[in-house]
Amino acid sequence: MIKGIGVDICDLRRLNHLDQLAKKILHVDEFSLYLSKGNDKAKREFVGGRFAVKEAFVKAAGYKSFKEICCLNDENGKPYIKDEPCHVSISHENHYAVAFVVIENNGPNQ
């Protein structure tokens, strides 16, 4: 059963001071991935995508600190949120990143 859904779009052109923003919103595991990106375009897309995922997750689940939300990729590149029963989709196009999150209800009392 679906517990919540959320969607968000991020205009990548509005992301300034990337390193500062990344430190502020990324989980430590995400920040390591951010640092491995080879250029500003890749870093901007990564931060924008993760920002959109975190906003979408908060819309679906309610408040949670952005730094507590950790979006990683499995061995096939599929995004997931660590320790959360949800589905995640991220897409990038030109100057935008969009994310969609669906949270599942895993128990009878949830």
Protein backbone atom coordinates (compact mmCIF):
# COMPACT_ATOMS: atom_id res chain seq x y z
CA MET A 1 0.00 0.00 0.00
CA ILE A 2 1.25 3.50 -0.78
CA LYS A 3 1.90 5.67 2.26
CA GLY A 4 2.93 8.83 0.41
CA ILE A 5 4.12 10.31 -2.88
CA GLY A 6 6.23 13.35 -3.61
CA VAL A 7 7.66 15.10 -6.64
CA ASP A 8 10.03 18.03 -7.03
CA ILE A 9 11.79 19.88 -9.83
CA CYS A 10 15.01 21.83 -9.42
CA ASP A 11 16.30 24.54 -11.76
CA LEU A 12 20.03 23.79 -11.88
CA ARG A 13 20.80 27.38 -12.88
CA ARG A 14 19.67 28.52 -9.43
CA LEU A 15 22.26 26.41 -7.61
CA ASN A 16 25.10 28.69 -6.52
CA HIS A 17 28.11 28.04 -4.30
CA LEU A 18 27.91 24.31 -5.03
CA ASP A 19 30.48 23.14 -2.47
CA GLN A 20 28.74 25.10 0.29
CA LEU A 21 25.31 23.81 -0.72
CA ALA A 22 26.59 20.24 -1.01
CA LYS A 23 28.03 20.36 2.52
CA LYS A 24 24.75 21.77 3.82
CA ILE A 25 22.31 19.26 2.29
CA LEU A 26 24.20 16.05 1.43
CA HIS A 27 24.56 13.06 3.71
CA VAL A 28 28.23 12.10 4.28
CA ASP A 29 27.90 9.15 1.85
CA GLU A 30 26.41 11.41 -0.82
CA PHE A 31 29.10 14.04 -0.26
CA SER A 32 31.80 11.45 -1.05
CA LEU A 33 30.07 10.78 -4.37
CA TYR A 34 29.78 14.51 -5.03
CA LEU A 35 33.52 14.97 -4.55
CA SER A 36 34.22 12.21 -7.10
CA LYS A 37 32.38 14.10 -9.87
CA GLY A 38 34.85 15.29 -12.51
CA ASN A 39 33.49 18.73 -13.39
CA ASP A 40 31.09 21.48 -12.33
CA LYS A 41 28.32 20.30 -14.68
CA ALA A 42 28.34 16.80 -13.16
CA LYS A 43 28.49 18.24 -9.64
CA ARG A 44 25.59 20.62 -10.37
CA GLU A 45 23.45 17.79 -11.78
CA PHE A 46 24.27 15.58 -8.79
CA VAL A 47 23.40 18.23 -6.20
CA GLY A 48 20.27 19.28 -8.11
CA GLY A 49 19.07 15.69 -8.40
CA ARG A 50 19.71 14.98 -4.74
CA PHE A 51 18.00 18.24 -3.72
CA ALA A 52 14.93 17.24 -5.76
CA VAL A 53 14.92 13.74 -4.22
CA LYS A 54 15.10 15.13 -0.70
CA GLU A 55 12.30 17.63 -1.37
CA ALA A 56 10.16 14.88 -2.91
CA PHE A 57 10.85 12.57 0.04
CA VAL A 58 9.87 15.24 2.57
CA LYS A 59 6.64 15.87 0.64
CA ALA A 60 5.86 12.14 0.76
CA ALA A 61 6.94 11.39 4.32
CA GLY A 62 6.72 14.63 6.24
CA TYR A 63 9.63 16.53 7.76
CA LYS A 64 13.08 14.99 7.91
CA SER A 65 16.42 16.77 7.83
CA PHE A 66 18.00 16.78 4.36
CA LYS A 67 21.29 15.50 5.79
CA GLU A 68 19.45 12.47 7.23
CA ILE A 69 18.08 11.51 3.80
CA CYS A 70 20.70 9.52 1.91
CA CYS A 71 20.04 8.81 -1.77
CA LEU A 72 22.50 6.35 -3.31
CA ASN A 73 22.55 4.18 -6.43
CA ASP A 74 22.55 0.40 -6.58
CA GLU A 75 24.95 -1.62 -8.74
CA ASN A 76 22.73 -0.99 -11.78
CA GLY A 77 22.56 2.77 -11.20
CA LYS A 78 19.01 2.75 -9.82
CA PRO A 79 18.56 5.40 -7.10
CA TYR A 80 17.26 4.44 -3.67
CA ILE A 81 16.98 6.06 -0.25
CA LYS A 82 19.02 4.26 2.36
CA ASP A 83 16.95 2.56 5.07
CA GLU A 84 13.61 3.73 3.67
CA PRO A 85 10.87 1.58 2.05
CA CYS A 86 10.42 3.70 -1.04
CA HIS A 87 10.91 3.97 -4.79
CA VAL A 88 12.90 6.81 -6.33
CA SER A 89 13.23 8.18 -9.84
CA ILE A 90 15.53 11.04 -10.85
CA SER A 91 15.75 12.62 -14.30
CA HIS A 92 17.86 15.43 -15.74
CA GLU A 93 17.10 17.52 -18.81
CA ASN A 94 19.03 20.62 -19.82
CA HIS A 95 18.74 22.97 -16.83
CA TYR A 96 16.42 20.85 -14.71
CA ALA A 97 16.45 17.86 -12.38
CA VAL A 98 13.20 16.21 -11.34
CA ALA A 99 12.59 13.51 -8.74
CA PHE A 100 9.64 11.35 -7.80
CA VAL A 101 9.38 9.35 -4.56
CA VAL A 102 6.79 6.74 -3.60
CA ILE A 103 6.83 5.50 -0.01
CA GLU A 104 5.34 2.13 0.77
CA ASN A 105 3.52 1.13 3.91
CA ASN A 106 5.33 -2.04 5.00
CA GLY A 107 3.29 -3.03 8.04
CA PRO A 108 -0.31 -3.37 9.18
CA ASN A 109 0.06 -0.57 11.77
CA GLN A 110 2.00 1.93 9.65
